[in-house]
Amino acid sequence: RSLADISWAVILERLREADWFEVILDQRRPALCAY
């Protein structure tokens, strides 16, 4: 893990809070879902 992962964790957390996960985490992005 690196600072890049910490930065993306914050971004993804904010998207989760905004209820955007159904838009970004789907079958088109399996590696991102696992991440």
ModelCIF file with pLDDT and N, C-alpha, C, O atoms, coordinates in Angstrom:
data_MODEL
#
_entry.id   MODEL 
#
_entity.id                         1 
_entity.type                       polymer 
_entity.pdbx_number_of_molecules   1 
#
_entity_poly.entity_id                      1 
_entity_poly.type                           'polypeptide(L)' 
_entity_poly.nstd_linkage                   no 
_entity_poly.nstd_monomer                   no 
_entity_poly.pdbx_seq_one_letter_code       RSLADISWAVILERLREADWFEVILDQRRPALCAY 
_entity_poly.pdbx_seq_one_letter_code_can   RSLADISWAVILERLREADWFEVILDQRRPALCAY 
_entity_poly.pdbx_strand_id                 A 
#
loop_
_entity_poly_seq.entity_id 
_entity_poly_seq.num 
_entity_poly_seq.mon_id 
_entity_poly_seq.hetero 
1 1  ARG n 
1 2  SER n 
1 3  LEU n 
1 4  ALA n 
1 5  ASP n 
1 6  ILE n 
1 7  SER n 
1 8  TRP n 
1 9  ALA n 
1 10 VAL n 
1 11 ILE n 
1 12 LEU n 
1 13 GLU n 
1 14 ARG n 
1 15 LEU n 
1 16 ARG n 
1 17 GLU n 
1 18 ALA n 
1 19 ASP n 
1 20 TRP n 
1 21 PHE n 
1 22 GLU n 
1 23 VAL n 
1 24 ILE n 
1 25 LEU n 
1 26 ASP n 
1 27 GLN n 
1 28 ARG n 
1 29 ARG n 
1 30 PRO n 
1 31 ALA n 
1 32 LEU n 
1 33 CYS n 
1 34 ALA n 
1 35 TYR n 
#
_struct_asym.id          A 
_struct_asym.entity_id   1 
#
loop_
_ma_qa_metric.id 
_ma_qa_metric.mode 
_ma_qa_metric.name 
_ma_qa_metric.software_group_id 
_ma_qa_metric.type 
1 global pLDDT . pLDDT 
2 local  pLDDT . pLDDT 
#
_ma_qa_metric_global.metric_id      1 
_ma_qa_metric_global.metric_value   90.00 
_ma_qa_metric_global.model_id       1 
_ma_qa_metric_global.ordinal_id     1 
#
loop_
_ma_qa_metric_local.label_asym_id 
_ma_qa_metric_local.label_comp_id 
_ma_qa_metric_local.label_seq_id 
_ma_qa_metric_local.metric_id 
_ma_qa_metric_local.metric_value 
_ma_qa_metric_local.model_id 
_ma_qa_metric_local.ordinal_id 
A ARG 1  2 94.00 1 1  
A SER 2  2 95.00 1 2  
A LEU 3  2 95.00 1 3  
A ALA 4  2 94.00 1 4  
A ASP 5  2 95.00 1 5  
A ILE 6  2 93.00 1 6  
A SER 7  2 94.00 1 7  
A TRP 8  2 93.00 1 8  
A ALA 9  2 93.00 1 9  
A VAL 10 2 91.00 1 10 
A ILE 11 2 92.00 1 11 
A LEU 12 2 92.00 1 12 
A GLU 13 2 91.00 1 13 
A ARG 14 2 90.00 1 14 
A LEU 15 2 90.00 1 15 
A ARG 16 2 89.00 1 16 
A GLU 17 2 90.00 1 17 
A ALA 18 2 89.00 1 18 
A ASP 19 2 89.00 1 19 
A TRP 20 2 85.00 1 20 
A PHE 21 2 83.00 1 21 
A GLU 22 2 81.00 1 22 
A VAL 23 2 77.00 1 23 
A ILE 24 2 80.00 1 24 
A LEU 25 2 81.00 1 25 
A ASP 26 2 80.00 1 26 
A GLN 27 2 86.00 1 27 
A ARG 28 2 88.00 1 28 
A ARG 29 2 93.00 1 29 
A PRO 30 2 94.00 1 30 
A ALA 31 2 95.00 1 31 
A LEU 32 2 94.00 1 32 
A CYS 33 2 93.00 1 33 
A ALA 34 2 95.00 1 34 
A TYR 35 2 96.00 1 35 
#
loop_
_atom_site.group_PDB 
_atom_site.id 
_atom_site.type_symbol 
_atom_site.label_atom_id 
_atom_site.label_alt_id 
_atom_site.label_comp_id 
_atom_site.label_asym_id 
_atom_site.label_entity_id 
_atom_site.label_seq_id 
_atom_site.pdbx_PDB_ins_code 
_atom_site.Cartn_x 
_atom_site.Cartn_y 
_atom_site.Cartn_z 
_atom_site.occupancy 
_atom_site.B_iso_or_equiv 
_atom_site.pdbx_formal_charge 
_atom_site.auth_seq_id 
_atom_site.auth_comp_id 
_atom_site.auth_asym_id 
_atom_site.auth_atom_id 
_atom_site.pdbx_PDB_model_num 
ATOM 1   N N  . ARG A 1 1  ? 0.845   -1.192 0.000   1.00 94.00 ? 1  ARG A N  1 
ATOM 2   C CA . ARG A 1 1  ? 0.000   0.000  0.000   1.00 94.00 ? 1  ARG A CA 1 
ATOM 3   C C  . ARG A 1 1  ? 0.882   1.245  0.000   1.00 94.00 ? 1  ARG A C  1 
ATOM 4   O O  . ARG A 1 1  ? 2.017   1.225  0.478   1.00 94.00 ? 1  ARG A O  1 
ATOM 5   N N  . SER A 1 2  ? 0.334   2.323  -0.547  1.00 95.00 ? 2  SER A N  1 
ATOM 6   C CA . SER A 1 2  ? 1.092   3.567  -0.630  1.00 95.00 ? 2  SER A CA 1 
ATOM 7   C C  . SER A 1 2  ? 0.149   4.742  -0.371  1.00 95.00 ? 2  SER A C  1 
ATOM 8   O O  . SER A 1 2  ? -1.044  4.562  -0.130  1.00 95.00 ? 2  SER A O  1 
ATOM 9   N N  . LEU A 1 3  ? 0.702   5.915  -0.426  1.00 95.00 ? 3  LEU A N  1 
ATOM 10  C CA . LEU A 1 3  ? -0.097  7.129  -0.275  1.00 95.00 ? 3  LEU A CA 1 
ATOM 11  C C  . LEU A 1 3  ? -1.177  7.212  -1.355  1.00 95.00 ? 3  LEU A C  1 
ATOM 12  O O  . LEU A 1 3  ? -2.246  7.775  -1.121  1.00 95.00 ? 3  LEU A O  1 
ATOM 13  N N  . ALA A 1 4  ? -0.904  6.662  -2.517  1.00 94.00 ? 4  ALA A N  1 
ATOM 14  C CA . ALA A 1 4  ? -1.918  6.639  -3.584  1.00 94.00 ? 4  ALA A CA 1 
ATOM 15  C C  . ALA A 1 4  ? -3.165  5.882  -3.134  1.00 94.00 ? 4  ALA A C  1 
ATOM 16  O O  . ALA A 1 4  ? -4.285  6.299  -3.427  1.00 94.00 ? 4  ALA A O  1 
ATOM 17  N N  . ASP A 1 5  ? -2.976  4.784  -2.429  1.00 95.00 ? 5  ASP A N  1 
ATOM 18  C CA . ASP A 1 5  ? -4.118  4.001  -1.941  1.00 95.00 ? 5  ASP A CA 1 
ATOM 19  C C  . ASP A 1 5  ? -4.904  4.762  -0.876  1.00 95.00 ? 5  ASP A C  1 
ATOM 20  O O  . ASP A 1 5  ? -6.134  4.709  -0.843  1.00 95.00 ? 5  ASP A O  1 
ATOM 21  N N  . ILE A 1 6  ? -4.195  5.455  -0.021  1.00 93.00 ? 6  ILE A N  1 
ATOM 22  C CA . ILE A 1 6  ? -4.868  6.259  1.007   1.00 93.00 ? 6  ILE A CA 1 
ATOM 23  C C  . ILE A 1 6  ? -5.695  7.359  0.345   1.00 93.00 ? 6  ILE A C  1 
ATOM 24  O O  . ILE A 1 6  ? -6.827  7.625  0.748   1.00 93.00 ? 6  ILE A O  1 
ATOM 25  N N  . SER A 1 7  ? -5.117  7.995  -0.675  1.00 94.00 ? 7  SER A N  1 
ATOM 26  C CA . SER A 1 7  ? -5.835  9.053  -1.389  1.00 94.00 ? 7  SER A CA 1 
ATOM 27  C C  . SER A 1 7  ? -7.095  8.514  -2.059  1.00 94.00 ? 7  SER A C  1 
ATOM 28  O O  . SER A 1 7  ? -8.154  9.138  -1.987  1.00 94.00 ? 7  SER A O  1 
ATOM 29  N N  . TRP A 1 8  ? -6.984  7.352  -2.713  1.00 93.00 ? 8  TRP A N  1 
ATOM 30  C CA . TRP A 1 8  ? -8.151  6.780  -3.359  1.00 93.00 ? 8  TRP A CA 1 
ATOM 31  C C  . TRP A 1 8  ? -9.173  6.274  -2.352  1.00 93.00 ? 8  TRP A C  1 
ATOM 32  O O  . TRP A 1 8  ? -10.371 6.286  -2.637  1.00 93.00 ? 8  TRP A O  1 
ATOM 33  N N  . ALA A 1 9  ? -8.731  5.834  -1.192  1.00 93.00 ? 9  ALA A N  1 
ATOM 34  C CA . ALA A 1 9  ? -9.689  5.410  -0.164  1.00 93.00 ? 9  ALA A CA 1 
ATOM 35  C C  . ALA A 1 9  ? -10.600 6.568  0.218   1.00 93.00 ? 9  ALA A C  1 
ATOM 36  O O  . ALA A 1 9  ? -11.803 6.383  0.402   1.00 93.00 ? 9  ALA A O  1 
ATOM 37  N N  . VAL A 1 10 ? -10.032 7.752  0.335   1.00 91.00 ? 10 VAL A N  1 
ATOM 38  C CA . VAL A 1 10 ? -10.831 8.939  0.677   1.00 91.00 ? 10 VAL A CA 1 
ATOM 39  C C  . VAL A 1 10 ? -11.828 9.239  -0.435  1.00 91.00 ? 10 VAL A C  1 
ATOM 40  O O  . VAL A 1 10 ? -12.999 9.505  -0.165  1.00 91.00 ? 10 VAL A O  1 
ATOM 41  N N  . ILE A 1 11 ? -11.371 9.199  -1.680  1.00 92.00 ? 11 ILE A N  1 
ATOM 42  C CA . ILE A 1 11 ? -12.259 9.477  -2.812  1.00 92.00 ? 11 ILE A CA 1 
ATOM 43  C C  . ILE A 1 11 ? -13.396 8.463  -2.869  1.00 92.00 ? 11 ILE A C  1 
ATOM 44  O O  . ILE A 1 11 ? -14.561 8.833  -3.014  1.00 92.00 ? 11 ILE A O  1 
ATOM 45  N N  . LEU A 1 12 ? -13.051 7.183  -2.753  1.00 92.00 ? 12 LEU A N  1 
ATOM 46  C CA . LEU A 1 12 ? -14.081 6.150  -2.820  1.00 92.00 ? 12 LEU A CA 1 
ATOM 47  C C  . LEU A 1 12 ? -15.045 6.232  -1.644  1.00 92.00 ? 12 LEU A C  1 
ATOM 48  O O  . LEU A 1 12 ? -16.240 5.982  -1.797  1.00 92.00 ? 12 LEU A O  1 
ATOM 49  N N  . GLU A 1 13 ? -14.528 6.580  -0.480  1.00 91.00 ? 13 GLU A N  1 
ATOM 50  C CA . GLU A 1 13 ? -15.397 6.748  0.685   1.00 91.00 ? 13 GLU A CA 1 
ATOM 51  C C  . GLU A 1 13 ? -16.402 7.868  0.451   1.00 91.00 ? 13 GLU A C  1 
ATOM 52  O O  . GLU A 1 13 ? -17.577 7.729  0.792   1.00 91.00 ? 13 GLU A O  1 
ATOM 53  N N  . ARG A 1 14 ? -15.956 8.959  -0.119  1.00 90.00 ? 14 ARG A N  1 
ATOM 54  C CA . ARG A 1 14 ? -16.877 10.078 -0.394  1.00 90.00 ? 14 ARG A CA 1 
ATOM 55  C C  . ARG A 1 14 ? -17.927 9.677  -1.424  1.00 90.00 ? 14 ARG A C  1 
ATOM 56  O O  . ARG A 1 14 ? -19.094 10.052 -1.306  1.00 90.00 ? 14 ARG A O  1 
ATOM 57  N N  . LEU A 1 15 ? -17.516 8.923  -2.425  1.00 90.00 ? 15 LEU A N  1 
ATOM 58  C CA . LEU A 1 15 ? -18.479 8.443  -3.420  1.00 90.00 ? 15 LEU A CA 1 
ATOM 59  C C  . LEU A 1 15 ? -19.482 7.489  -2.780  1.00 90.00 ? 15 LEU A C  1 
ATOM 60  O O  . LEU A 1 15 ? -20.661 7.491  -3.135  1.00 90.00 ? 15 LEU A O  1 
ATOM 61  N N  . ARG A 1 16 ? -19.012 6.672  -1.834  1.00 89.00 ? 16 ARG A N  1 
ATOM 62  C CA . ARG A 1 16 ? -19.932 5.781  -1.101  1.00 89.00 ? 16 ARG A CA 1 
ATOM 63  C C  . ARG A 1 16 ? -20.949 6.607  -0.323  1.00 89.00 ? 16 ARG A C  1 
ATOM 64  O O  . ARG A 1 16 ? -22.146 6.320  -0.337  1.00 89.00 ? 16 ARG A O  1 
ATOM 65  N N  . GLU A 1 17 ? -20.449 7.641  0.359   1.00 90.00 ? 17 GLU A N  1 
ATOM 66  C CA . GLU A 1 17 ? -21.344 8.495  1.144   1.00 90.00 ? 17 GLU A CA 1 
ATOM 67  C C  . GLU A 1 17 ? -22.380 9.202  0.268   1.00 90.00 ? 17 GLU A C  1 
ATOM 68  O O  . GLU A 1 17 ? -23.489 9.491  0.719   1.00 90.00 ? 17 GLU A O  1 
ATOM 69  N N  . ALA A 1 18 ? -22.015 9.474  -0.969  1.00 89.00 ? 18 ALA A N  1 
ATOM 70  C CA . ALA A 1 18 ? -22.926 10.162 -1.888  1.00 89.00 ? 18 ALA A CA 1 
ATOM 71  C C  . ALA A 1 18 ? -23.839 9.190  -2.643  1.00 89.00 ? 18 ALA A C  1 
ATOM 72  O O  . ALA A 1 18 ? -24.579 9.590  -3.542  1.00 89.00 ? 18 ALA A O  1 
ATOM 73  N N  . ASP A 1 19 ? -23.778 7.900  -2.264  1.00 89.00 ? 19 ASP A N  1 
ATOM 74  C CA . ASP A 1 19 ? -24.589 6.857  -2.910  1.00 89.00 ? 19 ASP A CA 1 
ATOM 75  C C  . ASP A 1 19 ? -24.305 6.721  -4.402  1.00 89.00 ? 19 ASP A C  1 
ATOM 76  O O  . ASP A 1 19 ? -25.221 6.539  -5.203  1.00 89.00 ? 19 ASP A O  1 
ATOM 77  N N  . TRP A 1 20 ? -23.030 6.811  -4.768  1.00 85.00 ? 20 TRP A N  1 
ATOM 78  C CA . TRP A 1 20 ? -22.627 6.652  -6.162  1.00 85.00 ? 20 TRP A CA 1 
ATOM 79  C C  . TRP A 1 20 ? -22.054 5.279  -6.447  1.00 85.00 ? 20 TRP A C  1 
ATOM 80  O O  . TRP A 1 20 ? -21.609 5.025  -7.567  1.00 85.00 ? 20 TRP A O  1 
ATOM 81  N N  . PHE A 1 21 ? -22.052 4.389  -5.473  1.00 83.00 ? 21 PHE A N  1 
ATOM 82  C CA . PHE A 1 21 ? -21.421 3.098  -5.697  1.00 83.00 ? 21 PHE A CA 1 
ATOM 83  C C  . PHE A 1 21 ? -22.096 2.284  -6.787  1.00 83.00 ? 21 PHE A C  1 
ATOM 84  O O  . PHE A 1 21 ? -21.418 1.559  -7.514  1.00 83.00 ? 21 PHE A O  1 
ATOM 85  N N  . GLU A 1 22 ? -23.385 2.382  -6.917  1.00 81.00 ? 22 GLU A N  1 
ATOM 86  C CA . GLU A 1 22 ? -24.055 1.636  -7.983  1.00 81.00 ? 22 GLU A CA 1 
ATOM 87  C C  . GLU A 1 22 ? -23.616 2.126  -9.351  1.00 81.00 ? 22 GLU A C  1 
ATOM 88  O O  . GLU A 1 22 ? -23.772 1.412  -10.341 1.00 81.00 ? 22 GLU A O  1 
ATOM 89  N N  . VAL A 1 23 ? -23.076 3.321  -9.421  1.00 77.00 ? 23 VAL A N  1 
ATOM 90  C CA . VAL A 1 23 ? -22.578 3.885  -10.673 1.00 77.00 ? 23 VAL A CA 1 
ATOM 91  C C  . VAL A 1 23 ? -21.139 3.440  -10.934 1.00 77.00 ? 23 VAL A C  1 
ATOM 92  O O  . VAL A 1 23 ? -20.782 3.154  -12.077 1.00 77.00 ? 23 VAL A O  1 
ATOM 93  N N  . ILE A 1 24 ? -20.308 3.379  -9.888  1.00 80.00 ? 24 ILE A N  1 
ATOM 94  C CA . ILE A 1 24 ? -18.877 3.160  -10.108 1.00 80.00 ? 24 ILE A CA 1 
ATOM 95  C C  . ILE A 1 24 ? -18.398 1.745  -9.836  1.00 80.00 ? 24 ILE A C  1 
ATOM 96  O O  . ILE A 1 24 ? -17.449 1.285  -10.469 1.00 80.00 ? 24 ILE A O  1 
ATOM 97  N N  . LEU A 1 25 ? -19.037 1.047  -8.906  1.00 81.00 ? 25 LEU A N  1 
ATOM 98  C CA . LEU A 1 25 ? -18.592 -0.302 -8.564  1.00 81.00 ? 25 LEU A CA 1 
ATOM 99  C C  . LEU A 1 25 ? -19.591 -1.316 -9.104  1.00 81.00 ? 25 LEU A C  1 
ATOM 100 O O  . LEU A 1 25 ? -20.567 -1.673 -8.444  1.00 81.00 ? 25 LEU A O  1 
ATOM 101 N N  . ASP A 1 26 ? -19.324 -1.759 -10.302 1.00 80.00 ? 26 ASP A N  1 
ATOM 102 C CA . ASP A 1 26 ? -20.201 -2.735 -10.929 1.00 80.00 ? 26 ASP A CA 1 
ATOM 103 C C  . ASP A 1 26 ? -19.355 -3.717 -11.733 1.00 80.00 ? 26 ASP A C  1 
ATOM 104 O O  . ASP A 1 26 ? -18.130 -3.730 -11.608 1.00 80.00 ? 26 ASP A O  1 
ATOM 105 N N  . GLN A 1 27 ? -19.992 -4.527 -12.543 1.00 86.00 ? 27 GLN A N  1 
ATOM 106 C CA . GLN A 1 27 ? -19.292 -5.574 -13.285 1.00 86.00 ? 27 GLN A CA 1 
ATOM 107 C C  . GLN A 1 27 ? -18.269 -5.023 -14.266 1.00 86.00 ? 27 GLN A C  1 
ATOM 108 O O  . GLN A 1 27 ? -17.405 -5.773 -14.719 1.00 86.00 ? 27 GLN A O  1 
ATOM 109 N N  . ARG A 1 28 ? -18.334 -3.752 -14.607 1.00 88.00 ? 28 ARG A N  1 
ATOM 110 C CA . ARG A 1 28 ? -17.341 -3.170 -15.509 1.00 88.00 ? 28 ARG A CA 1 
ATOM 111 C C  . ARG A 1 28 ? -15.990 -2.991 -14.832 1.00 88.00 ? 28 ARG A C  1 
ATOM 112 O O  . ARG A 1 28 ? -14.968 -2.879 -15.510 1.00 88.00 ? 28 ARG A O  1 
ATOM 113 N N  . ARG A 1 29 ? -15.972 -2.964 -13.507 1.00 93.00 ? 29 ARG A N  1 
ATOM 114 C CA . ARG A 1 29 ? -14.748 -2.690 -12.760 1.00 93.00 ? 29 ARG A CA 1 
ATOM 115 C C  . ARG A 1 29 ? -14.529 -3.716 -11.637 1.00 93.00 ? 29 ARG A C  1 
ATOM 116 O O  . ARG A 1 29 ? -14.556 -3.358 -10.460 1.00 93.00 ? 29 ARG A O  1 
ATOM 117 N N  . PRO A 1 30 ? -14.313 -4.981 -11.996 1.00 94.00 ? 30 PRO A N  1 
ATOM 118 C CA . PRO A 1 30 ? -14.133 -6.004 -10.954 1.00 94.00 ? 30 PRO A CA 1 
ATOM 119 C C  . PRO A 1 30 ? -12.878 -5.788 -10.116 1.00 94.00 ? 30 PRO A C  1 
ATOM 120 O O  . PRO A 1 30 ? -12.892 -6.057 -8.914  1.00 94.00 ? 30 PRO A O  1 
ATOM 121 N N  . ALA A 1 31 ? -11.803 -5.313 -10.716 1.00 95.00 ? 31 ALA A N  1 
ATOM 122 C CA . ALA A 1 31 ? -10.574 -5.084 -9.938  1.00 95.00 ? 31 ALA A CA 1 
ATOM 123 C C  . ALA A 1 31 ? -10.787 -3.958 -8.927  1.00 95.00 ? 31 ALA A C  1 
ATOM 124 O O  . ALA A 1 31 ? -10.279 -4.032 -7.807  1.00 95.00 ? 31 ALA A O  1 
ATOM 125 N N  . LEU A 1 32 ? -11.516 -2.937 -9.300  1.00 94.00 ? 32 LEU A N  1 
ATOM 126 C CA . LEU A 1 32 ? -11.806 -1.832 -8.378  1.00 94.00 ? 32 LEU A CA 1 
ATOM 127 C C  . LEU A 1 32 ? -12.719 -2.312 -7.250  1.00 94.00 ? 32 LEU A C  1 
ATOM 128 O O  . LEU A 1 32 ? -12.547 -1.906 -6.101  1.00 94.00 ? 32 LEU A O  1 
ATOM 129 N N  . CYS A 1 33 ? -13.676 -3.162 -7.564  1.00 93.00 ? 33 CYS A N  1 
ATOM 130 C CA . CYS A 1 33 ? -14.546 -3.726 -6.522  1.00 93.00 ? 33 CYS A CA 1 
ATOM 131 C C  . CYS A 1 33 ? -13.717 -4.524 -5.509  1.00 93.00 ? 33 CYS A C  1 
ATOM 132 O O  . CYS A 1 33 ? -13.904 -4.379 -4.301  1.00 93.00 ? 33 CYS A O  1 
ATOM 133 N N  . ALA A 1 34 ? -12.806 -5.361 -6.000  1.00 95.00 ? 34 ALA A N  1 
ATOM 134 C CA . ALA A 1 34 ? -11.957 -6.166 -5.110  1.00 95.00 ? 34 ALA A CA 1 
ATOM 135 C C  . ALA A 1 34 ? -11.027 -5.259 -4.310  1.00 95.00 ? 34 ALA A C  1 
ATOM 136 O O  . ALA A 1 34 ? -10.763 -5.517 -3.136  1.00 95.00 ? 34 ALA A O  1 
ATOM 137 N N  . TYR A 1 35 ? -10.539 -4.215 -4.934  1.00 96.00 ? 35 TYR A N  1 
ATOM 138 C CA . TYR A 1 35 ? -9.666  -3.235 -4.268  1.00 96.00 ? 35 TYR A CA 1 
ATOM 139 C C  . TYR A 1 35 ? -10.412 -2.552 -3.121  1.00 96.00 ? 35 TYR A C  1 
ATOM 140 O O  . TYR A 1 35 ? -9.847  -1.696 -2.440  1.00 96.00 ? 35 TYR A O  1 
#
